[in-house]
């Protein structure tokens, strides 16, 4: 993952699909949510892969930096 440096930058997220999560409840844990772009991408992808439910837990939510 390349860090974005401005609102017009392109962010590419790549990760493995090795785990079979169909029918599973998934908890995504992030230390800090900045723009929300990565969290939204991951949660949508996990749902599309058949997760029964997807929840997000974060220690710090920087709502002022949110883009989604």
Protein backbone atom coordinates (compact mmCIF):
# COMPACT_ATOMS: atom_id res chain seq x y z
CA UNK A 1 0.00 0.00 0.00
CA UNK A 2 1.32 3.40 -0.99
CA UNK A 3 0.53 6.27 1.39
CA UNK A 4 -1.53 9.05 -0.18
CA UNK A 5 -0.07 12.53 0.11
CA UNK A 6 -3.02 14.56 -1.12
CA UNK A 7 -6.70 14.34 -2.04
CA UNK A 8 -5.98 13.75 -5.75
CA UNK A 9 -3.46 10.91 -5.25
CA UNK A 10 -4.33 7.37 -6.31
CA UNK A 11 -4.25 4.77 -3.56
CA UNK A 12 -3.72 1.11 -4.52
CA UNK A 13 -4.52 -1.54 -1.93
CA UNK A 14 -3.32 -5.11 -2.44
CA UNK A 15 -3.73 -8.01 -0.01
CA UNK A 16 -4.09 -11.78 0.02
CA UNK A 17 -7.30 -13.75 -0.38
CA UNK A 18 -5.82 -16.96 1.05
CA UNK A 19 -8.25 -17.20 3.98
CA UNK A 20 -11.71 -18.63 3.37
CA UNK A 21 -14.04 -16.30 5.27
CA UNK A 22 -17.36 -17.41 3.77
CA UNK A 23 -19.98 -17.50 6.52
CA UNK A 24 -17.57 -16.14 9.15
CA UNK A 25 -17.95 -13.11 11.41
CA UNK A 26 -14.94 -10.83 10.78
CA UNK A 27 -13.54 -8.17 13.12
CA UNK A 28 -11.20 -5.72 11.40
CA UNK A 29 -8.93 -3.96 13.92
CA UNK A 30 -7.13 -0.71 13.05
CA UNK A 31 -5.04 1.47 15.32
CA UNK A 32 -5.99 4.77 13.66
CA UNK A 33 -8.60 5.50 10.99
CA UNK A 34 -7.57 8.57 8.99
CA UNK A 35 -9.42 8.96 5.69
CA UNK A 36 -11.45 5.77 6.01
CA UNK A 37 -10.55 4.73 2.45
CA UNK A 38 -8.60 1.62 3.47
CA UNK A 39 -11.20 0.54 6.03
CA UNK A 40 -14.04 0.96 3.55
CA UNK A 41 -12.17 -0.98 0.85
CA UNK A 42 -11.35 -3.86 3.19
CA UNK A 43 -14.84 -4.06 4.68
CA UNK A 44 -16.47 -4.08 1.22
CA UNK A 45 -14.04 -6.73 -0.02
CA UNK A 46 -14.62 -8.95 3.02
CA UNK A 47 -18.39 -8.71 2.52
CA UNK A 48 -18.01 -9.52 -1.19
CA UNK A 49 -15.96 -12.60 -0.26
CA UNK A 50 -18.92 -13.92 1.74
CA UNK A 51 -18.27 -12.85 5.32
CA UNK A 52 -21.40 -13.26 7.43
CA UNK A 53 -20.69 -9.94 9.16
CA UNK A 54 -17.86 -7.39 9.15
CA UNK A 55 -17.22 -5.02 12.07
CA UNK A 56 -14.51 -2.39 12.53
CA UNK A 57 -12.80 -1.62 15.85
CA UNK A 58 -10.37 1.30 16.07
CA UNK A 59 -8.43 2.96 18.87
CA UNK A 60 -8.53 6.42 17.29
CA UNK A 61 -10.96 7.73 14.67
CA UNK A 62 -9.67 10.95 13.07
CA UNK A 63 -13.05 12.13 11.78
CA UNK A 64 -11.61 15.48 10.69
CA UNK A 65 -9.45 13.63 8.13
CA UNK A 66 -12.32 11.48 6.77
CA UNK A 67 -12.83 11.18 3.03
CA UNK A 68 -15.54 8.49 3.23
